[in-house]
C-alpha cells in the first residue's frame, strides 16, 4: 500500500476540554458551535482527510454538514489554511515528516516561524523516507517530543499501518510505540486490491480487520484514545454502499467498545484520479460518512454521564 493511501493525519492526551458553549450548529443540531473553542479533544474526533490542496475549499464548505469537527491535510502547518478552517468552524490537523521536524529543531528561526502558525489543533507525522509504517522508535520519540514543545496544546499523532502485522511477525515489537502518539491511529482499507489480497464489500473482510486491530489493542494501554482511519474511497471495480463506513466502525467497536472517534479517508480525488475515487465524488459513500459522523456527534452531545461512560469503557479495554 503506497504512502499516498496513508496520507492522513497529524496530531496531549491530557484531559483536554471540548468546546466552550456557543450558538447551536446548523450542521449538528444540539451541539455547541465553534465560536469559542478549546483544544482538540482526543476523545471526540470526527475527521475528514483532504490530501489535495485544490480540493480544500470544497471540503471546507461541506465539513460541518457532514458532522465532522476536524479537517486534516497533507501539508505542513499553514496560517492561511488554519484561518480557513477556523472560519468554517472546525479544527485543523497538519502534517510533517520526521525530517522536516528534525530540520526545524536544529534551526531556531524555522522553529519560531512554525510555532507562530495559529490555530494548529494537531499534527500527524511519519518518516516518508523509509518503508511506510516503519518509522523507528527513536525517530518517533524525537519527533513527538519536538512537536509537543513547539505546539504544547496540539495533538501529535503517528498513524499505525496494520497490514504488516499479518506478514512481519516482529513488526509491532519493532516499531509500535503508543507513547509517541496522543491517539492510536490505525489504518487498513479492507475493500479493493489490498496488500493482503482482494476483497469486495460483500466478502468476509471483517475477521481479518478485527484480527489486526486485536493485535494492536493488546499492546495498547487502556487510557489511550483510538482514532480509526476508515476507508471512505472507492476503488474501480469494487463499489461500496452507504453502510460501508458503519460496517468498518463496528469492527473497531468490537475491539474498543465506547470509542467515539473516526476519520474518513479521503475527500478527493475524482473519477479522473482513478483507480481511487474519494467520497466527495461518491454520493453513497458520502452519505455513509454523514450518517456515521452525525451519530457520533449526537452521542457526544448527549448527557454528560453517557459521554463519560463511553470514555471509561474505552480506557478499561
C-alpha atoms as a PDB file:
ATOM      1  CA  UNK A   1       0.000   0.000   0.000  1.00  0.00           C
ATOM      2  CA  UNK A   2       1.578   3.284  -1.087  1.00  0.00           C
ATOM      3  CA  UNK A   3       2.169   6.091   1.342  1.00  0.00           C
ATOM      4  CA  UNK A   4      -0.226   8.119  -0.797  1.00  0.00           C
ATOM      5  CA  UNK A   5      -3.001   5.918   0.572  1.00  0.00           C
ATOM      6  CA  UNK A   6      -1.845   6.544   4.117  1.00  0.00           C
ATOM      7  CA  UNK A   7      -1.798  10.310   3.740  1.00  0.00           C
ATOM      8  CA  UNK A   8      -3.728  11.205   6.539  1.00  0.00           C
ATOM      9  CA  UNK A   9      -3.313  12.913   9.733  1.00  0.00           C
ATOM     10  CA  UNK A  10      -1.361  14.610  12.241  1.00  0.00           C
ATOM     11  CA  UNK A  11      -1.517  15.397  15.984  1.00  0.00           C
ATOM     12  CA  UNK A  12      -1.726  15.694  24.836  1.00  0.00           C
ATOM     13  CA  UNK A  13      -3.623  13.037  25.727  1.00  0.00           C
ATOM     14  CA  UNK A  14      -4.086  15.287  28.757  1.00  0.00           C
ATOM     15  CA  UNK A  15      -7.630  15.850  29.811  1.00  0.00           C
ATOM     16  CA  UNK A  16      -8.453  18.459  27.214  1.00  0.00           C
ATOM     17  CA  UNK A  17     -11.767  20.214  27.436  1.00  0.00           C
ATOM     18  CA  UNK A  18     -14.049  20.118  24.423  1.00  0.00           C
ATOM     19  CA  UNK A  19     -15.620  23.333  23.182  1.00  0.00           C
ATOM     20  CA  UNK A  20     -16.937  26.214  25.201  1.00  0.00           C
ATOM     21  CA  UNK A  21     -20.674  26.655  24.930  1.00  0.00           C
ATOM     22  CA  UNK A  22     -21.749  28.671  21.917  1.00  0.00           C
ATOM     23  CA  UNK A  23     -24.561  29.019  19.473  1.00  0.00           C
ATOM     24  CA  UNK A  24     -26.163  25.883  18.137  1.00  0.00           C
ATOM     25  CA  UNK A  25     -24.699  24.478  14.939  1.00  0.00           C
ATOM     26  CA  UNK A  26     -26.850  24.040  11.875  1.00  0.00           C
ATOM     27  CA  UNK A  27     -24.656  21.099  10.902  1.00  0.00           C
ATOM     28  CA  UNK A  28     -25.023  19.371  14.266  1.00  0.00           C
ATOM     29  CA  UNK A  29     -28.272  20.387  15.974  1.00  0.00           C
ATOM     30  CA  UNK A  30     -27.850  20.370  19.727  1.00  0.00           C
ATOM     31  CA  UNK A  31     -24.051  20.721  19.643  1.00  0.00           C
ATOM     32  CA  UNK A  32     -22.109  23.842  20.584  1.00  0.00           C
ATOM     33  CA  UNK A  33     -20.827  25.818  17.637  1.00  0.00           C
ATOM     34  CA  UNK A  34     -17.119  26.608  17.463  1.00  0.00           C
ATOM     35  CA  UNK A  35     -17.295  30.345  18.002  1.00  0.00           C
ATOM     36  CA  UNK A  36     -15.297  29.852  21.199  1.00  0.00           C
ATOM     37  CA  UNK A  37     -13.353  26.632  21.356  1.00  0.00           C
ATOM     38  CA  UNK A  38     -10.679  24.965  23.397  1.00  0.00           C
ATOM     39  CA  UNK A  39      -8.060  22.384  22.430  1.00  0.00           C
ATOM     40  CA  UNK A  40      -8.992  19.453  20.217  1.00  0.00           C
ATOM     41  CA  UNK A  41     -10.422  16.695  22.397  1.00  0.00           C
ATOM     42  CA  UNK A  42      -8.667  13.350  21.696  1.00  0.00           C
ATOM     43  CA  UNK A  43     -11.868  11.525  22.733  1.00  0.00           C
ATOM     44  CA  UNK A  44     -14.077  13.449  20.303  1.00  0.00           C
ATOM     45  CA  UNK A  45     -12.548  13.329  16.823  1.00  0.00           C
ATOM     46  CA  UNK A  46     -14.592  13.273  13.627  1.00  0.00           C
ATOM     47  CA  UNK A  47     -12.033  13.934  10.935  1.00  0.00           C
ATOM     48  CA  UNK A  48     -12.249  14.467   7.199  1.00  0.00           C
ATOM     49  CA  UNK A  49      -8.963  13.895   5.388  1.00  0.00           C
ATOM     50  CA  UNK A  50      -8.177  16.134   2.417  1.00  0.00           C
ATOM     51  CA  UNK A  51      -4.908  15.442   0.603  1.00  0.00           C
ATOM     52  CA  UNK A  52      -5.184  17.612  -2.492  1.00  0.00           C
ATOM     53  CA  UNK A  53      -4.898  21.379  -1.820  1.00  0.00           C
ATOM     54  CA  UNK A  54      -7.181  22.110  -4.761  1.00  0.00           C
ATOM     55  CA  UNK A  55      -9.998  20.205  -3.011  1.00  0.00           C
ATOM     56  CA  UNK A  56      -9.700  22.112   0.264  1.00  0.00           C
ATOM     57  CA  UNK A  57     -12.271  24.829  -0.465  1.00  0.00           C
ATOM     58  CA  UNK A  58     -14.967  22.302  -1.415  1.00  0.00           C
ATOM     59  CA  UNK A  59     -14.244  20.211   1.658  1.00  0.00           C
ATOM     60  CA  UNK A  60     -14.449  23.221   3.968  1.00  0.00           C
ATOM     61  CA  UNK A  61     -17.866  24.112   2.585  1.00  0.00           C
ATOM     62  CA  UNK A  62     -19.144  20.604   3.338  1.00  0.00           C
ATOM     63  CA  UNK A  63     -17.300  19.612   6.502  1.00  0.00           C
ATOM     64  CA  UNK A  64     -19.847  20.810   9.075  1.00  0.00           C
ATOM     65  CA  UNK A  65     -22.880  19.489   7.189  1.00  0.00           C
ATOM     66  CA  UNK A  66     -21.233  16.061   7.320  1.00  0.00           C
ATOM     67  CA  UNK A  67     -21.000  16.214  11.109  1.00  0.00           C
ATOM     68  CA  UNK A  68     -17.202  16.466  11.217  1.00  0.00           C
ATOM     69  CA  UNK A  69     -15.352  18.690  13.669  1.00  0.00           C
ATOM     70  CA  UNK A  70     -11.836  18.436  12.227  1.00  0.00           C
ATOM     71  CA  UNK A  71     -10.118  18.769   8.872  1.00  0.00           C
ATOM     72  CA  UNK A  72      -6.799  17.011   8.219  1.00  0.00           C
ATOM     73  CA  UNK A  73      -4.489  17.982   5.365  1.00  0.00           C
ATOM     74  CA  UNK A  74      -1.299  16.503   3.949  1.00  0.00           C
ATOM     75  CA  UNK A  75       0.686  19.729   4.156  1.00  0.00           C
ATOM     76  CA  UNK A  76       2.815  21.432   6.774  1.00  0.00           C
ATOM     77  CA  UNK A  77       1.153  23.885   9.173  1.00  0.00           C
ATOM     78  CA  UNK A  78      -0.015  26.917   7.251  1.00  0.00           C
ATOM     79  CA  UNK A  79      -1.596  30.108   8.580  1.00  0.00           C
ATOM     80  CA  UNK A  80      -3.935  30.541   5.602  1.00  0.00           C
ATOM     81  CA  UNK A  81      -5.290  27.001   5.900  1.00  0.00           C
ATOM     82  CA  UNK A  82      -5.677  27.420   9.653  1.00  0.00           C
ATOM     83  CA  UNK A  83      -7.695  30.613   9.097  1.00  0.00           C
ATOM     84  CA  UNK A  84      -9.935  28.877   6.559  1.00  0.00           C
ATOM     85  CA  UNK A  85     -10.578  26.004   8.941  1.00  0.00           C
ATOM     86  CA  UNK A  86     -11.398  28.350  11.790  1.00  0.00           C
ATOM     87  CA  UNK A  87     -13.786  30.310   9.579  1.00  0.00           C
ATOM     88  CA  UNK A  88     -15.505  27.032   8.702  1.00  0.00           C
ATOM     89  CA  UNK A  89     -15.823  26.193  12.402  1.00  0.00           C
ATOM     90  CA  UNK A  90     -13.551  23.160  12.505  1.00  0.00           C
ATOM     91  CA  UNK A  91     -10.221  22.161  13.939  1.00  0.00           C
ATOM     92  CA  UNK A  92      -7.136  21.853  11.754  1.00  0.00           C
ATOM     93  CA  UNK A  93      -4.640  18.965  11.659  1.00  0.00           C
ATOM     94  CA  UNK A  94      -1.490  19.437   9.572  1.00  0.00           C
ATOM     95  CA  UNK A  95       1.276  17.055   8.505  1.00  0.00           C
ATOM     96  CA  UNK A  96       5.055  16.952   8.831  1.00  0.00           C
ATOM     97  CA  UNK A  97       7.728  14.408   8.071  1.00  0.00           C
ATOM     98  CA  UNK A  98      10.257  13.351  10.673  1.00  0.00           C
ATOM     99  CA  UNK A  99      12.998  15.007   8.601  1.00  0.00           C
ATOM    100  CA  UNK A 100      11.111  18.312   8.461  1.00  0.00           C
ATOM    101  CA  UNK A 101      10.722  18.259  12.231  1.00  0.00           C
ATOM    102  CA  UNK A 102      14.390  17.423  12.667  1.00  0.00           C
ATOM    103  CA  UNK A 103      15.327  20.410  10.489  1.00  0.00           C
ATOM    104  CA  UNK A 104      13.070  22.734  12.467  1.00  0.00           C
ATOM    105  CA  UNK A 105      14.560  21.515  15.752  1.00  0.00           C
ATOM    106  CA  UNK A 106      18.030  22.488  14.517  1.00  0.00           C
ATOM    107  CA  UNK A 107      17.055  25.915  13.145  1.00  0.00           C
ATOM    108  CA  UNK A 108      15.786  28.428  15.747  1.00  0.00           C
ATOM    109  CA  UNK A 109      14.374  30.770  13.080  1.00  0.00           C
ATOM    110  CA  UNK A 110      12.447  27.943  11.399  1.00  0.00           C
ATOM    111  CA  UNK A 111      11.231  26.785  14.788  1.00  0.00           C
ATOM    112  CA  UNK A 112       9.936  30.257  15.617  1.00  0.00           C
ATOM    113  CA  UNK A 113       8.167  30.512  12.256  1.00  0.00           C
ATOM    114  CA  UNK A 114       6.474  27.165  12.783  1.00  0.00           C
ATOM    115  CA  UNK A 115       5.443  27.980  16.347  1.00  0.00           C
ATOM    116  CA  UNK A 116       3.878  31.245  15.147  1.00  0.00           C
ATOM    117  CA  UNK A 117       1.294  29.480  12.962  1.00  0.00           C
ATOM    118  CA  UNK A 118      -2.027  29.990  14.816  1.00  0.00           C
ATOM    119  CA  UNK A 119      -4.896  27.571  15.353  1.00  0.00           C
ATOM    120  CA  UNK A 120      -2.998  24.335  14.748  1.00  0.00           C
ATOM    121  CA  UNK A 121      -5.033  21.751  16.640  1.00  0.00           C
ATOM    122  CA  UNK A 122      -2.900  18.782  15.691  1.00  0.00           C
ATOM    123  CA  UNK A 123      -0.083  17.406  13.571  1.00  0.00           C
ATOM    124  CA  UNK A 124       0.481  13.909  12.283  1.00  0.00           C
ATOM    125  CA  UNK A 125       3.912  12.715  11.327  1.00  0.00           C
ATOM    126  CA  UNK A 126       5.713   9.893   9.557  1.00  0.00           C
ATOM    127  CA  UNK A 127       9.107   9.067   8.126  1.00  0.00           C
ATOM    128  CA  UNK A 128       8.473   9.335   4.396  1.00  0.00           C
ATOM    129  CA  UNK A 129      11.981   8.111   3.549  1.00  0.00           C
ATOM    130  CA  UNK A 130      11.525   4.587   4.869  1.00  0.00           C
ATOM    131  CA  UNK A 131       9.023   1.807   4.217  1.00  0.00           C
ATOM    132  CA  UNK A 132       5.567   3.058   5.122  1.00  0.00           C
ATOM    133  CA  UNK A 133       4.736   2.178   8.718  1.00  0.00           C
ATOM    134  CA  UNK A 134       8.336   1.541   9.769  1.00  0.00           C
ATOM    135  CA  UNK A 135       9.267   4.844  11.429  1.00  0.00           C
ATOM    136  CA  UNK A 136      11.856   3.864  14.035  1.00  0.00           C
ATOM    137  CA  UNK A 137      11.076   4.225  17.741  1.00  0.00           C
ATOM    138  CA  UNK A 138      13.894   6.759  18.110  1.00  0.00           C
ATOM    139  CA  UNK A 139      12.523   8.885  15.273  1.00  0.00           C
ATOM    140  CA  UNK A 140       9.074   8.643  16.818  1.00  0.00           C
ATOM    141  CA  UNK A 141      10.367   9.766  20.201  1.00  0.00           C
ATOM    142  CA  UNK A 142      12.381  12.677  18.838  1.00  0.00           C
ATOM    143  CA  UNK A 143       9.606  13.873  16.525  1.00  0.00           C
ATOM    144  CA  UNK A 144       6.872  13.564  19.138  1.00  0.00           C
ATOM    145  CA  UNK A 145       8.839  15.410  21.818  1.00  0.00           C
ATOM    146  CA  UNK A 146       9.856  18.205  19.439  1.00  0.00           C
ATOM    147  CA  UNK A 147       6.317  18.778  18.191  1.00  0.00           C
ATOM    148  CA  UNK A 148       4.948  18.796  21.750  1.00  0.00           C
ATOM    149  CA  UNK A 149       7.470  21.500  22.626  1.00  0.00           C
ATOM    150  CA  UNK A 150       6.532  23.636  19.623  1.00  0.00           C
ATOM    151  CA  UNK A 151       2.774  23.066  19.847  1.00  0.00           C
ATOM    152  CA  UNK A 152       2.118  22.179  23.503  1.00  0.00           C
ATOM    153  CA  UNK A 153      -1.664  22.474  23.135  1.00  0.00           C
ATOM    154  CA  UNK A 154      -1.956  20.369  19.996  1.00  0.00           C
ATOM    155  CA  UNK A 155      -2.435  16.664  19.460  1.00  0.00           C
ATOM    156  CA  UNK A 156       0.520  14.861  17.927  1.00  0.00           C
ATOM    157  CA  UNK A 157      -0.420  11.712  16.017  1.00  0.00           C
ATOM    158  CA  UNK A 158       1.549   8.910  14.431  1.00  0.00           C
ATOM    159  CA  UNK A 159      -0.564   6.577  12.236  1.00  0.00           C
ATOM    160  CA  UNK A 160      -0.116   2.819  12.572  1.00  0.00           C
ATOM    161  CA  UNK A 161      -0.168   0.759   9.383  1.00  0.00           C
ATOM    162  CA  UNK A 162      -1.929  -2.533  10.087  1.00  0.00           C
ATOM    163  CA  UNK A 163      -1.226  -4.892   7.188  1.00  0.00           C
ATOM    164  CA  UNK A 164       2.437  -5.684   8.109  1.00  0.00           C
ATOM    165  CA  UNK A 165       1.084  -7.392  11.241  1.00  0.00           C
ATOM    166  CA  UNK A 166      -0.019 -10.268   9.013  1.00  0.00           C
ATOM    167  CA  UNK A 167       3.290 -10.649   7.172  1.00  0.00           C
ATOM    168  CA  UNK A 168       6.018  -9.497   9.579  1.00  0.00           C
ATOM    169  CA  UNK A 169       5.918 -11.277  12.977  1.00  0.00           C
ATOM    170  CA  UNK A 170       8.312  -8.748  14.514  1.00  0.00           C
ATOM    171  CA  UNK A 171       6.644  -5.638  13.147  1.00  0.00           C
ATOM    172  CA  UNK A 172       4.755  -4.397  16.204  1.00  0.00           C
ATOM    173  CA  UNK A 173       7.545  -5.190  18.646  1.00  0.00           C
ATOM    174  CA  UNK A 174       9.963  -3.308  16.413  1.00  0.00           C
ATOM    175  CA  UNK A 175       8.016  -0.123  15.700  1.00  0.00           C
ATOM    176  CA  UNK A 176       4.748   0.157  17.645  1.00  0.00           C
ATOM    177  CA  UNK A 177       5.168   2.753  20.405  1.00  0.00           C
ATOM    178  CA  UNK A 178       1.803   4.166  21.599  1.00  0.00           C
ATOM    179  CA  UNK A 179       3.610   6.516  23.974  1.00  0.00           C
ATOM    180  CA  UNK A 180       4.609   8.636  20.976  1.00  0.00           C
ATOM    181  CA  UNK A 181       1.119   9.432  19.744  1.00  0.00           C
ATOM    182  CA  UNK A 182      -1.753  11.189  21.519  1.00  0.00           C
ATOM    183  CA  UNK A 183      -4.252   8.814  19.940  1.00  0.00           C
ATOM    184  CA  UNK A 184      -3.547   5.422  18.431  1.00  0.00           C
ATOM    185  CA  UNK A 185      -4.409   5.877  14.758  1.00  0.00           C
ATOM    186  CA  UNK A 186      -4.671   2.517  12.949  1.00  0.00           C
ATOM    187  CA  UNK A 187      -5.437   2.198   9.246  1.00  0.00           C
ATOM    188  CA  UNK A 188      -6.205  -0.616   6.839  1.00  0.00           C
ATOM    189  CA  UNK A 189      -8.512  -0.186   3.863  1.00  0.00           C
ATOM    190  CA  UNK A 190     -10.272  -3.542   3.510  1.00  0.00           C
ATOM    191  CA  UNK A 191     -12.169  -3.399   0.191  1.00  0.00           C
ATOM    192  CA  UNK A 192     -10.377  -3.425  -3.140  1.00  0.00           C
ATOM    193  CA  UNK A 193      -6.934  -4.681  -4.071  1.00  0.00           C
ATOM    194  CA  UNK A 194      -5.012  -4.685  -0.811  1.00  0.00           C
ATOM    195  CA  UNK A 195      -1.586  -5.903   0.265  1.00  0.00           C
ATOM    196  CA  UNK A 196      -3.333  -8.842   1.950  1.00  0.00           C
ATOM    197  CA  UNK A 197      -5.471  -9.784  -1.054  1.00  0.00           C
ATOM    198  CA  UNK A 198      -8.536  -8.675  -2.944  1.00  0.00           C
ATOM    199  CA  UNK A 199     -11.932  -8.225  -1.292  1.00  0.00           C
ATOM    200  CA  UNK A 200     -15.335  -6.893  -2.289  1.00  0.00           C
ATOM    201  CA  UNK A 201     -17.656  -5.256   0.208  1.00  0.00           C
ATOM    202  CA  UNK A 202     -19.842  -8.365   0.359  1.00  0.00           C
ATOM    203  CA  UNK A 203     -16.837 -10.581   1.167  1.00  0.00           C
ATOM    204  CA  UNK A 204     -15.844 -11.512   4.701  1.00  0.00           C
ATOM    205  CA  UNK A 205     -13.144  -8.910   5.344  1.00  0.00           C
ATOM    206  CA  UNK A 206     -14.275  -8.122   8.903  1.00  0.00           C
ATOM    207  CA  UNK A 207     -12.460 -11.034  10.639  1.00  0.00           C
ATOM    208  CA  UNK A 208      -9.172 -10.016   9.035  1.00  0.00           C
ATOM    209  CA  UNK A 209      -9.584  -6.407  10.180  1.00  0.00           C
ATOM    210  CA  UNK A 210     -10.604  -7.488  13.685  1.00  0.00           C
ATOM    211  CA  UNK A 211      -7.521  -9.722  13.985  1.00  0.00           C
ATOM    212  CA  UNK A 212      -5.203  -6.863  13.007  1.00  0.00           C
ATOM    213  CA  UNK A 213      -6.875  -4.491  15.458  1.00  0.00           C
ATOM    214  CA  UNK A 214      -6.786  -7.045  18.278  1.00  0.00           C
ATOM    215  CA  UNK A 215      -3.021  -7.314  17.920  1.00  0.00           C
ATOM    216  CA  UNK A 216      -2.768  -3.549  18.367  1.00  0.00           C
ATOM    217  CA  UNK A 217      -5.252  -3.466  21.246  1.00  0.00           C
ATOM    218  CA  UNK A 218      -3.390  -5.967  23.389  1.00  0.00           C
ATOM    219  CA  UNK A 219      -0.285  -3.781  23.174  1.00  0.00           C
ATOM    220  CA  UNK A 220      -2.096  -0.529  23.924  1.00  0.00           C
ATOM    221  CA  UNK A 221      -2.751   0.969  27.380  1.00  0.00           C
ATOM    222  CA  UNK A 222      -6.439   1.326  28.131  1.00  0.00           C
ATOM    223  CA  UNK A 223      -6.252   5.089  28.722  1.00  0.00           C
ATOM    224  CA  UNK A 224      -5.062   5.948  25.192  1.00  0.00           C
ATOM    225  CA  UNK A 225      -7.691   7.253  22.740  1.00  0.00           C
ATOM    226  CA  UNK A 226      -8.127   5.473  19.417  1.00  0.00           C
ATOM    227  CA  UNK A 227      -8.783   7.181  16.088  1.00  0.00           C
ATOM    228  CA  UNK A 228      -9.874   4.648  13.433  1.00  0.00           C
ATOM    229  CA  UNK A 229      -8.997   5.708   9.905  1.00  0.00           C
ATOM    230  CA  UNK A 230     -11.855   4.355   7.800  1.00  0.00           C
ATOM    231  CA  UNK A 231     -11.851   3.678   4.072  1.00  0.00           C
ATOM    232  CA  UNK A 232     -14.076   6.337   2.549  1.00  0.00           C
ATOM    233  CA  UNK A 233     -12.918   5.937  -1.037  1.00  0.00           C
ATOM    234  CA  UNK A 234     -13.948   3.547  -3.751  1.00  0.00           C
ATOM    235  CA  UNK A 235     -11.583   1.602  -5.962  1.00  0.00           C
ATOM    236  CA  UNK A 236     -12.560   0.995  -9.574  1.00  0.00           C
ATOM    237  CA  UNK A 237     -14.301  -2.354  -9.824  1.00  0.00           C
ATOM    238  CA  UNK A 238     -15.049  -2.550  -6.090  1.00  0.00           C
ATOM    239  CA  UNK A 239     -18.178  -0.478  -5.377  1.00  0.00           C
ATOM    240  CA  UNK A 240     -19.202   0.207  -1.787  1.00  0.00           C
ATOM    241  CA  UNK A 241     -22.502   1.437  -0.398  1.00  0.00           C
ATOM    242  CA  UNK A 242     -23.599   3.881   2.290  1.00  0.00           C
ATOM    243  CA  UNK A 243     -23.326   1.259   5.038  1.00  0.00           C
ATOM    244  CA  UNK A 244     -19.652   0.549   4.387  1.00  0.00           C
ATOM    245  CA  UNK A 245     -18.337   3.147   6.853  1.00  0.00           C
ATOM    246  CA  UNK A 246     -20.592   1.838   9.618  1.00  0.00           C
ATOM    247  CA  UNK A 247     -19.509  -1.749   8.903  1.00  0.00           C
ATOM    248  CA  UNK A 248     -15.877  -0.781   9.410  1.00  0.00           C
ATOM    249  CA  UNK A 249     -16.654   1.207  12.535  1.00  0.00           C
ATOM    250  CA  UNK A 250     -18.495  -1.774  14.030  1.00  0.00           C
ATOM    251  CA  UNK A 251     -15.321  -3.858  13.801  1.00  0.00           C
ATOM    252  CA  UNK A 252     -13.355  -1.194  15.661  1.00  0.00           C
ATOM    253  CA  UNK A 253     -16.156  -1.003  18.243  1.00  0.00           C
ATOM    254  CA  UNK A 254     -15.852  -4.721  18.959  1.00  0.00           C
ATOM    255  CA  UNK A 255     -12.181  -4.221  19.798  1.00  0.00           C
ATOM    256  CA  UNK A 256     -12.557  -0.826  21.521  1.00  0.00           C
ATOM    257  CA  UNK A 257     -16.092  -0.542  22.964  1.00  0.00           C
ATOM    258  CA  UNK A 258     -17.115   3.024  23.675  1.00  0.00           C
ATOM    259  CA  UNK A 259     -14.836   4.618  21.088  1.00  0.00           C
ATOM    260  CA  UNK A 260     -16.421   7.737  19.594  1.00  0.00           C
ATOM    261  CA  UNK A 261     -13.649   8.764  17.187  1.00  0.00           C
ATOM    262  CA  UNK A 262     -13.437   8.238  13.434  1.00  0.00           C
ATOM    263  CA  UNK A 263     -11.589   9.640  10.430  1.00  0.00           C
ATOM    264  CA  UNK A 264     -12.831   9.398   6.847  1.00  0.00           C
ATOM    265  CA  UNK A 265     -10.086   8.829   4.261  1.00  0.00           C
ATOM    266  CA  UNK A 266     -10.402  10.607   1.901  1.00  0.00           C
ATOM    267  CA  UNK A 267     -12.322  13.557   0.384  1.00  0.00           C
ATOM    268  CA  UNK A 268     -10.765  13.543  -3.151  1.00  0.00           C
ATOM    269  CA  UNK A 269      -9.908  12.651  -5.857  1.00  0.00           C
ATOM    270  CA  UNK A 270     -12.390  12.477  -8.658  1.00  0.00           C
ATOM    271  CA  UNK A 271     -13.127   9.749 -11.168  1.00  0.00           C
ATOM    272  CA  UNK A 272     -10.366  11.294 -13.259  1.00  0.00           C
ATOM    273  CA  UNK A 273      -7.949  10.290 -10.497  1.00  0.00           C
ATOM    274  CA  UNK A 274      -8.874   6.603 -10.763  1.00  0.00           C
ATOM    275  CA  UNK A 275      -8.415   3.941  -9.590  1.00  0.00           C
ATOM    276  CA  UNK A 276      -9.229   5.507  -6.209  1.00  0.00           C
ATOM    277  CA  UNK A 277     -12.206   7.882  -6.047  1.00  0.00           C
ATOM    278  CA  UNK A 278     -12.835   9.923  -2.901  1.00  0.00           C
ATOM    279  CA  UNK A 279     -16.160  10.194  -1.110  1.00  0.00           C
ATOM    280  CA  UNK A 280     -16.699  13.744  -2.362  1.00  0.00           C
ATOM    281  CA  UNK A 281     -17.426  12.126  -5.739  1.00  0.00           C
ATOM    282  CA  UNK A 282     -19.315   9.070  -4.497  1.00  0.00           C
ATOM    283  CA  UNK A 283     -22.719  10.137  -3.071  1.00  0.00           C
ATOM    284  CA  UNK A 284     -23.356   6.754  -1.411  1.00  0.00           C
ATOM    285  CA  UNK A 285     -20.075   6.830   0.462  1.00  0.00           C
ATOM    286  CA  UNK A 286     -20.530  10.489   1.345  1.00  0.00           C
ATOM    287  CA  UNK A 287     -23.919   9.686   2.862  1.00  0.00           C
ATOM    288  CA  UNK A 288     -22.256   6.929   4.879  1.00  0.00           C
ATOM    289  CA  UNK A 289     -19.748   9.427   6.269  1.00  0.00           C
ATOM    290  CA  UNK A 290     -22.529  11.845   7.162  1.00  0.00           C
ATOM    291  CA  UNK A 291     -24.634   9.153   8.865  1.00  0.00           C
ATOM    292  CA  UNK A 292     -21.748   7.837  10.955  1.00  0.00           C
ATOM    293  CA  UNK A 293     -20.387  11.247  11.979  1.00  0.00           C
ATOM    294  CA  UNK A 294     -23.780  12.599  12.944  1.00  0.00           C
ATOM    295  CA  UNK A 295     -24.452   9.502  15.029  1.00  0.00           C
ATOM    296  CA  UNK A 296     -21.155  10.014  16.854  1.00  0.00           C
ATOM    297  CA  UNK A 297     -21.858  13.743  17.247  1.00  0.00           C
ATOM    298  CA  UNK A 298     -25.250  13.054  18.821  1.00  0.00           C
ATOM    299  CA  UNK A 299     -23.639  10.687  21.281  1.00  0.00           C
ATOM    300  CA  UNK A 300     -21.011  13.285  22.200  1.00  0.00           C
ATOM    301  CA  UNK A 301     -23.673  15.969  22.572  1.00  0.00           C
ATOM    302  CA  UNK A 302     -25.856  13.775  24.762  1.00  0.00           C
ATOM    303  CA  UNK A 303     -25.918  13.542  28.526  1.00  0.00           C
ATOM    304  CA  UNK A 304     -22.533  14.084  30.228  1.00  0.00           C
ATOM    305  CA  UNK A 305     -22.840  10.767  32.061  1.00  0.00           C
ATOM    306  CA  UNK A 306     -23.258   8.966  28.733  1.00  0.00           C
ATOM    307  CA  UNK A 307     -20.098  10.551  27.345  1.00  0.00           C
ATOM    308  CA  UNK A 308     -18.057   9.694  30.406  1.00  0.00           C
ATOM    309  CA  UNK A 309     -19.328   6.099  30.457  1.00  0.00           C
ATOM    310  CA  UNK A 310     -18.125   5.640  26.888  1.00  0.00           C
ATOM    311  CA  UNK A 311     -14.708   7.045  27.701  1.00  0.00           C
ATOM    312  CA  UNK A 312     -14.323   4.895  30.811  1.00  0.00           C
ATOM    313  CA  UNK A 313     -15.233   1.839  28.748  1.00  0.00           C
ATOM    314  CA  UNK A 314     -12.537   2.617  26.202  1.00  0.00           C
ATOM    315  CA  UNK A 315      -9.922   3.265  28.838  1.00  0.00           C
ATOM    316  CA  UNK A 316     -10.695  -0.027  30.545  1.00  0.00           C
ATOM    317  CA  UNK A 317     -10.058  -2.227  27.496  1.00  0.00           C
END
